Amino acid sequence: MRKANRRNFSVIVERDAEGYYVASVPELRGCHTQARSLDKLMVRVREAIELCLEVEHDAGATTEFIGVQRVTV
């Protein structure tokens, strides 16, 4: 990707019950991946974003990530 075309994305990182790290990109529908380490997760999430951007041209507008709120019930 050329520097002029760079975009910033928010990535939500969680750890599942088996200890895997899971990354989701709210701005890109269906863009998520997982890995055993955070270093590997960052490599994989960049790859996932690039793949999602390849098909984004046909998908229309994306959403804008605003933030995360914690709610106690």
PDB file of N, CA and C in Angstrom:
ATOM      1  N   MET A   1       0.842  -1.167   0.000  1.00  0.00           N
ATOM      2  CA  MET A   1       0.000   0.000   0.000  1.00  0.00           C
ATOM      3  C   MET A   1       0.892   1.236   0.000  1.00  0.00           C
ATOM      4  N   ARG A   2       0.602   2.189  -0.870  1.00  0.00           N
ATOM      5  CA  ARG A   2       1.398   3.401  -0.930  1.00  0.00           C
ATOM      6  C   ARG A   2       1.117   4.284   0.272  1.00  0.00           C
ATOM      7  N   LYS A   3       2.106   5.066   0.667  1.00  0.00           N
ATOM      8  CA  LYS A   3       1.981   5.904   1.855  1.00  0.00           C
ATOM      9  C   LYS A   3       0.821   6.895   1.745  1.00  0.00           C
ATOM     10  N   ALA A   4       0.584   7.448   0.553  1.00  0.00           N
ATOM     11  CA  ALA A   4      -0.484   8.427   0.365  1.00  0.00           C
ATOM     12  C   ALA A   4      -1.866   7.820   0.597  1.00  0.00           C
ATOM     13  N   ASN A   5      -1.997   6.509   0.432  1.00  0.00           N
ATOM     14  CA  ASN A   5      -3.289   5.843   0.573  1.00  0.00           C
ATOM     15  C   ASN A   5      -3.495   5.226   1.948  1.00  0.00           C
ATOM     16  N   ARG A   6      -2.639   5.510   2.891  1.00  0.00           N
ATOM     17  CA  ARG A   6      -2.746   4.892   4.216  1.00  0.00           C
ATOM     18  C   ARG A   6      -3.987   5.368   4.956  1.00  0.00           C
ATOM     19  N   ARG A   7      -4.602   4.443   5.686  1.00  0.00           N
ATOM     20  CA  ARG A   7      -5.771   4.747   6.528  1.00  0.00           C
ATOM     21  C   ARG A   7      -5.514   4.180   7.909  1.00  0.00           C
ATOM     22  N   ASN A   8      -6.078   4.806   8.915  1.00  0.00           N
ATOM     23  CA  ASN A   8      -5.974   4.337  10.294  1.00  0.00           C
ATOM     24  C   ASN A   8      -7.248   3.588  10.671  1.00  0.00           C
ATOM     25  N   PHE A   9      -7.091   2.489  11.419  1.00  0.00           N
ATOM     26  CA  PHE A   9      -8.217   1.687  11.860  1.00  0.00           C
ATOM     27  C   PHE A   9      -8.102   1.410  13.352  1.00  0.00           C
ATOM     28  N   SER A  10      -9.218   1.412  14.029  1.00  0.00           N
ATOM     29  CA  SER A  10      -9.266   0.999  15.433  1.00  0.00           C
ATOM     30  C   SER A  10      -9.376  -0.518  15.461  1.00  0.00           C
ATOM     31  N   VAL A  11      -8.625  -1.142  16.366  1.00  0.00           N
ATOM     32  CA  VAL A  11      -8.646  -2.595  16.490  1.00  0.00           C
ATOM     33  C   VAL A  11      -8.993  -2.948  17.934  1.00  0.00           C
ATOM     34  N   ILE A  12     -10.006  -3.766  18.111  1.00  0.00           N
ATOM     35  CA  ILE A  12     -10.387  -4.248  19.437  1.00  0.00           C
ATOM     36  C   ILE A  12      -9.690  -5.589  19.644  1.00  0.00           C
ATOM     37  N   VAL A  13      -8.949  -5.707  20.755  1.00  0.00           N
ATOM     38  CA  VAL A  13      -8.219  -6.941  21.057  1.00  0.00           C
ATOM     39  C   VAL A  13      -8.796  -7.549  22.331  1.00  0.00           C
ATOM     40  N   GLU A  14      -9.148  -8.825  22.251  1.00  0.00           N
ATOM     41  CA  GLU A  14      -9.681  -9.562  23.395  1.00  0.00           C
ATOM     42  C   GLU A  14      -8.910 -10.874  23.516  1.00  0.00           C
ATOM     43  N   ARG A  15      -9.059 -11.550  24.654  1.00  0.00           N
ATOM     44  CA  ARG A  15      -8.486 -12.889  24.815  1.00  0.00           C
ATOM     45  C   ARG A  15      -9.639 -13.838  25.098  1.00  0.00           C
ATOM     46  N   ASP A  16      -9.687 -14.950  24.357  1.00  0.00           N
ATOM     47  CA  ASP A  16     -10.781 -15.901  24.536  1.00  0.00           C
ATOM     48  C   ASP A  16     -10.467 -16.918  25.625  1.00  0.00           C
ATOM     49  N   ALA A  17     -11.391 -17.819  25.861  1.00  0.00           N
ATOM     50  CA  ALA A  17     -11.269 -18.800  26.946  1.00  0.00           C
ATOM     51  C   ALA A  17     -10.084 -19.747  26.772  1.00  0.00           C
ATOM     52  N   GLU A  18      -9.659 -19.988  25.529  1.00  0.00           N
ATOM     53  CA  GLU A  18      -8.517 -20.874  25.280  1.00  0.00           C
ATOM     54  C   GLU A  18      -7.185 -20.134  25.304  1.00  0.00           C
ATOM     55  N   GLY A  19      -7.198 -18.813  25.542  1.00  0.00           N
ATOM     56  CA  GLY A  19      -5.974 -18.032  25.606  1.00  0.00           C
ATOM     57  C   GLY A  19      -5.549 -17.388  24.302  1.00  0.00           C
ATOM     58  N   TYR A  20      -6.345 -17.547  23.249  1.00  0.00           N
ATOM     59  CA  TYR A  20      -6.036 -16.896  21.974  1.00  0.00           C
ATOM     60  C   TYR A  20      -6.395 -15.415  22.054  1.00  0.00           C
ATOM     61  N   TYR A  21      -5.600 -14.589  21.392  1.00  0.00           N
ATOM     62  CA  TYR A  21      -5.938 -13.182  21.237  1.00  0.00           C
ATOM     63  C   TYR A  21      -6.792 -13.057  19.978  1.00  0.00           C
ATOM     64  N   VAL A  22      -7.843 -12.261  20.082  1.00  0.00           N
ATOM     65  CA  VAL A  22      -8.777 -12.076  18.976  1.00  0.00           C
ATOM     66  C   VAL A  22      -8.845 -10.590  18.662  1.00  0.00           C
ATOM     67  N   ALA A  23      -8.658 -10.239  17.395  1.00  0.00           N
ATOM     68  CA  ALA A  23      -8.710  -8.843  16.958  1.00  0.00           C
ATOM     69  C   ALA A  23      -9.890  -8.643  16.026  1.00  0.00           C
ATOM     70  N   SER A  24     -10.619  -7.548  16.240  1.00  0.00           N
ATOM     71  CA  SER A  24     -11.739  -7.169  15.385  1.00  0.00           C
ATOM     72  C   SER A  24     -11.558  -5.718  14.962  1.00  0.00           C
ATOM     73  N   VAL A  25     -11.935  -5.417  13.735  1.00  0.00           N
ATOM     74  CA  VAL A  25     -11.852  -4.058  13.197  1.00  0.00           C
ATOM     75  C   VAL A  25     -13.276  -3.585  12.930  1.00  0.00           C
ATOM     76  N   PRO A  26     -13.846  -2.789  13.842  1.00  0.00           N
ATOM     77  CA  PRO A  26     -15.249  -2.388  13.708  1.00  0.00           C
ATOM     78  C   PRO A  26     -15.579  -1.649  12.413  1.00  0.00           C
ATOM     79  N   GLU A  27     -14.637  -0.906  11.870  1.00  0.00           N
ATOM     80  CA  GLU A  27     -14.901  -0.137  10.646  1.00  0.00           C
ATOM     81  C   GLU A  27     -15.065  -1.006   9.412  1.00  0.00           C
ATOM     82  N   LEU A  28     -14.588  -2.241   9.477  1.00  0.00           N
ATOM     83  CA  LEU A  28     -14.654  -3.138   8.323  1.00  0.00           C
ATOM     84  C   LEU A  28     -15.446  -4.390   8.685  1.00  0.00           C
ATOM     85  N   ARG A  29     -16.630  -4.509   8.133  1.00  0.00           N
ATOM     86  CA  ARG A  29     -17.498  -5.633   8.457  1.00  0.00           C
ATOM     87  C   ARG A  29     -16.805  -6.965   8.173  1.00  0.00           C
ATOM     88  N   GLY A  30     -16.829  -7.857   9.155  1.00  0.00           N
ATOM     89  CA  GLY A  30     -16.257  -9.187   8.986  1.00  0.00           C
ATOM     90  C   GLY A  30     -14.747  -9.245   9.097  1.00  0.00           C
ATOM     91  N   CYS A  31     -14.118  -8.170   9.505  1.00  0.00           N
ATOM     92  CA  CYS A  31     -12.660  -8.143   9.580  1.00  0.00           C
ATOM     93  C   CYS A  31     -12.210  -8.516  10.988  1.00  0.00           C
ATOM     94  N   HIS A  32     -11.729  -9.746  11.136  1.00  0.00           N
ATOM     95  CA  HIS A  32     -11.249 -10.221  12.425  1.00  0.00           C
ATOM     96  C   HIS A  32     -10.265 -11.369  12.212  1.00  0.00           C
ATOM     97  N   THR A  33      -9.453 -11.633  13.224  1.00  0.00           N
ATOM     98  CA  THR A  33      -8.476 -12.715  13.167  1.00  0.00           C
ATOM     99  C   THR A  33      -8.085 -13.096  14.581  1.00  0.00           C
ATOM    100  N   GLN A  34      -7.273 -14.142  14.716  1.00  0.00           N
ATOM    101  CA  GLN A  34      -6.826 -14.563  16.048  1.00  0.00           C
ATOM    102  C   GLN A  34      -5.413 -15.116  15.971  1.00  0.00           C
ATOM    103  N   ALA A  35      -4.739 -15.147  17.129  1.00  0.00           N
ATOM    104  CA  ALA A  35      -3.377 -15.696  17.208  1.00  0.00           C
ATOM    105  C   ALA A  35      -3.057 -15.992  18.667  1.00  0.00           C
ATOM    106  N   ARG A  36      -2.017 -16.784  18.874  1.00  0.00           N
ATOM    107  CA  ARG A  36      -1.569 -17.129  20.232  1.00  0.00           C
ATOM    108  C   ARG A  36      -0.809 -15.997  20.908  1.00  0.00           C
ATOM    109  N   SER A  37      -0.123 -15.136  20.125  1.00  0.00           N
ATOM    110  CA  SER A  37       0.659 -14.039  20.705  1.00  0.00           C
ATOM    111  C   SER A  37       0.196 -12.708  20.125  1.00  0.00           C
ATOM    112  N   LEU A  38       0.444 -11.636  20.871  1.00  0.00           N
ATOM    113  CA  LEU A  38       0.073 -10.310  20.395  1.00  0.00           C
ATOM    114  C   LEU A  38       0.885  -9.907  19.166  1.00  0.00           C
ATOM    115  N   ASP A  39       2.154 -10.284  19.126  1.00  0.00           N
ATOM    116  CA  ASP A  39       2.985  -9.954  17.963  1.00  0.00           C
ATOM    117  C   ASP A  39       2.420 -10.585  16.694  1.00  0.00           C
ATOM    118  N   LYS A  40       2.092 -11.868  16.771  1.00  0.00           N
ATOM    119  CA  LYS A  40       1.516 -12.564  15.618  1.00  0.00           C
ATOM    120  C   LYS A  40       0.138 -11.999  15.275  1.00  0.00           C
ATOM    121  N   LEU A  41      -0.628 -11.610  16.298  1.00  0.00           N
ATOM    122  CA  LEU A  41      -1.949 -11.031  16.070  1.00  0.00           C
ATOM    123  C   LEU A  41      -1.846  -9.750  15.255  1.00  0.00           C
ATOM    124  N   MET A  42      -0.873  -8.889  15.563  1.00  0.00           N
ATOM    125  CA  MET A  42      -0.721  -7.634  14.832  1.00  0.00           C
ATOM    126  C   MET A  42      -0.348  -7.879  13.372  1.00  0.00           C
ATOM    127  N   VAL A  43       0.473  -8.888  13.112  1.00  0.00           N
ATOM    128  CA  VAL A  43       0.802  -9.246  11.727  1.00  0.00           C
ATOM    129  C   VAL A  43      -0.468  -9.698  11.012  1.00  0.00           C
ATOM    130  N   ARG A  44      -1.224 -10.576  11.662  1.00  0.00           N
ATOM    131  CA  ARG A  44      -2.434 -11.121  11.043  1.00  0.00           C
ATOM    132  C   ARG A  44      -3.525 -10.080  10.856  1.00  0.00           C
ATOM    133  N   VAL A  45      -3.661  -9.139  11.796  1.00  0.00           N
ATOM    134  CA  VAL A  45      -4.725  -8.143  11.648  1.00  0.00           C
ATOM    135  C   VAL A  45      -4.399  -7.198  10.493  1.00  0.00           C
ATOM    136  N   ARG A  46      -3.130  -6.883  10.289  1.00  0.00           N
ATOM    137  CA  ARG A  46      -2.764  -6.062   9.131  1.00  0.00           C
ATOM    138  C   ARG A  46      -3.112  -6.795   7.829  1.00  0.00           C
ATOM    139  N   GLU A  47      -2.826  -8.087   7.787  1.00  0.00           N
ATOM    140  CA  GLU A  47      -3.180  -8.889   6.607  1.00  0.00           C
ATOM    141  C   GLU A  47      -4.684  -8.919   6.397  1.00  0.00           C
ATOM    142  N   ALA A  48      -5.439  -9.080   7.488  1.00  0.00           N
ATOM    143  CA  ALA A  48      -6.902  -9.125   7.396  1.00  0.00           C
ATOM    144  C   ALA A  48      -7.451  -7.792   6.890  1.00  0.00           C
ATOM    145  N   ILE A  49      -6.904  -6.691   7.386  1.00  0.00           N
ATOM    146  CA  ILE A  49      -7.346  -5.365   6.941  1.00  0.00           C
ATOM    147  C   ILE A  49      -7.076  -5.201   5.448  1.00  0.00           C
ATOM    148  N   GLU A  50      -5.885  -5.572   5.003  1.00  0.00           N
ATOM    149  CA  GLU A  50      -5.562  -5.461   3.581  1.00  0.00           C
ATOM    150  C   GLU A  50      -6.523  -6.274   2.721  1.00  0.00           C
ATOM    151  N   LEU A  51      -6.859  -7.482   3.170  1.00  0.00           N
ATOM    152  CA  LEU A  51      -7.804  -8.308   2.422  1.00  0.00           C
ATOM    153  C   LEU A  51      -9.197  -7.692   2.404  1.00  0.00           C
ATOM    154  N   CYS A  52      -9.634  -7.168   3.539  1.00  0.00           N
ATOM    155  CA  CYS A  52     -10.952  -6.528   3.598  1.00  0.00           C
ATOM    156  C   CYS A  52     -11.008  -5.291   2.706  1.00  0.00           C
ATOM    157  N   LEU A  53      -9.917  -4.543   2.646  1.00  0.00           N
ATOM    158  CA  LEU A  53      -9.885  -3.348   1.803  1.00  0.00           C
ATOM    159  C   LEU A  53      -9.940  -3.699   0.323  1.00  0.00           C
ATOM    160  N   GLU A  54      -9.408  -4.855  -0.050  1.00  0.00           N
ATOM    161  CA  GLU A  54      -9.469  -5.285  -1.445  1.00  0.00           C
ATOM    162  C   GLU A  54     -10.907  -5.471  -1.913  1.00  0.00           C
ATOM    163  N   VAL A  55     -11.772  -5.970  -1.028  1.00  0.00           N
ATOM    164  CA  VAL A  55     -13.172  -6.205  -1.402  1.00  0.00           C
ATOM    165  C   VAL A  55     -14.080  -5.051  -0.991  1.00  0.00           C
ATOM    166  N   GLU A  56     -13.562  -4.085  -0.251  1.00  0.00           N
ATOM    167  CA  GLU A  56     -14.368  -2.963   0.236  1.00  0.00           C
ATOM    168  C   GLU A  56     -14.944  -2.130  -0.899  1.00  0.00           C
ATOM    169  N   HIS A  57     -14.275  -2.055  -2.012  1.00  0.00           N
ATOM    170  CA  HIS A  57     -14.730  -1.216  -3.124  1.00  0.00           C
ATOM    171  C   HIS A  57     -16.151  -1.559  -3.541  1.00  0.00           C
ATOM    172  N   ASP A  58     -16.542  -2.825  -3.384  1.00  0.00           N
ATOM    173  CA  ASP A  58     -17.882  -3.251  -3.755  1.00  0.00           C
ATOM    174  C   ASP A  58     -18.870  -3.155  -2.595  1.00  0.00           C
ATOM    175  N   ALA A  59     -18.365  -2.947  -1.377  1.00  0.00           N
ATOM    176  CA  ALA A  59     -19.222  -3.011  -0.199  1.00  0.00           C
ATOM    177  C   ALA A  59     -19.858  -1.685   0.182  1.00  0.00           C
ATOM    178  N   GLY A  60     -19.411  -0.578  -0.380  1.00  0.00           N
ATOM    179  CA  GLY A  60     -19.982   0.708  -0.021  1.00  0.00           C
ATOM    180  C   GLY A  60     -19.300   1.316   1.187  1.00  0.00           C
ATOM    181  N   ALA A  61     -20.002   2.197   1.889  1.00  0.00           N
ATOM    182  CA  ALA A  61     -19.432   2.942   3.012  1.00  0.00           C
ATOM    183  C   ALA A  61     -19.192   2.048   4.228  1.00  0.00           C
ATOM    184  N   THR A  62     -18.160   2.388   4.981  1.00  0.00           N
ATOM    185  CA  THR A  62     -17.864   1.686   6.215  1.00  0.00           C
ATOM    186  C   THR A  62     -18.359   2.522   7.392  1.00  0.00           C
ATOM    187  N   THR A  63     -18.364   1.940   8.574  1.00  0.00           N
ATOM    188  CA  THR A  63     -18.779   2.675   9.762  1.00  0.00           C
ATOM    189  C   THR A  63     -17.578   3.371  10.381  1.00  0.00           C
ATOM    190  N   GLU A  64     -17.835   4.277  11.296  1.00  0.00           N
ATOM    191  CA  GLU A  64     -16.774   4.975  12.022  1.00  0.00           C
ATOM    192  C   GLU A  64     -16.788   4.502  13.460  1.00  0.00           C
ATOM    193  N   PHE A  65     -15.653   3.995  13.952  1.00  0.00           N
ATOM    194  CA  PHE A  65     -15.545   3.544  15.329  1.00  0.00           C
ATOM    195  C   PHE A  65     -15.545   4.769  16.234  1.00  0.00           C
ATOM    196  N   ILE A  66     -16.423   4.763  17.250  1.00  0.00           N
ATOM    197  CA  ILE A  66     -16.536   5.878  18.178  1.00  0.00           C
ATOM    198  C   ILE A  66     -15.883   5.569  19.508  1.00  0.00           C
ATOM    199  N   GLY A  67     -16.116   4.400  20.052  1.00  0.00           N
ATOM    200  CA  GLY A  67     -15.510   4.064  21.341  1.00  0.00           C
ATOM    201  C   GLY A  67     -16.146   2.837  21.940  1.00  0.00           C
ATOM    202  N   VAL A  68     -15.703   2.518  23.152  1.00  0.00           N
ATOM    203  CA  VAL A  68     -16.204   1.359  23.885  1.00  0.00           C
ATOM    204  C   VAL A  68     -16.759   1.876  25.209  1.00  0.00           C
ATOM    205  N   GLN A  69     -17.903   1.393  25.581  1.00  0.00           N
ATOM    206  CA  GLN A  69     -18.530   1.759  26.851  1.00  0.00           C
ATOM    207  C   GLN A  69     -18.713   0.507  27.691  1.00  0.00           C
ATOM    208  N   ARG A  70     -18.475   0.611  28.977  1.00  0.00           N
ATOM    209  CA  ARG A  70     -18.722  -0.479  29.901  1.00  0.00           C
ATOM    210  C   ARG A  70     -20.056  -0.240  30.591  1.00  0.00           C
ATOM    211  N   VAL A  71     -20.903  -1.261  30.616  1.00  0.00           N
ATOM    212  CA  VAL A  71     -22.234  -1.149  31.214  1.00  0.00           C
ATOM    213  C   VAL A  71     -22.362  -2.233  32.285  1.00  0.00           C
ATOM    214  N   THR A  72     -22.769  -1.836  33.489  1.00  0.00           N
ATOM    215  CA  THR A  72     -22.995  -2.789  34.565  1.00  0.00           C
ATOM    216  C   THR A  72     -24.478  -3.051  34.682  1.00  0.00           C
ATOM    217  N   VAL A  73     -24.875  -4.311  34.695  1.00  0.00           N
ATOM    218  CA  VAL A  73     -26.299  -4.677  34.786  1.00  0.00           C
ATOM    219  C   VAL A  73     -26.500  -5.566  36.000  1.00  0.00           C
TER     220      VAL A  73
END
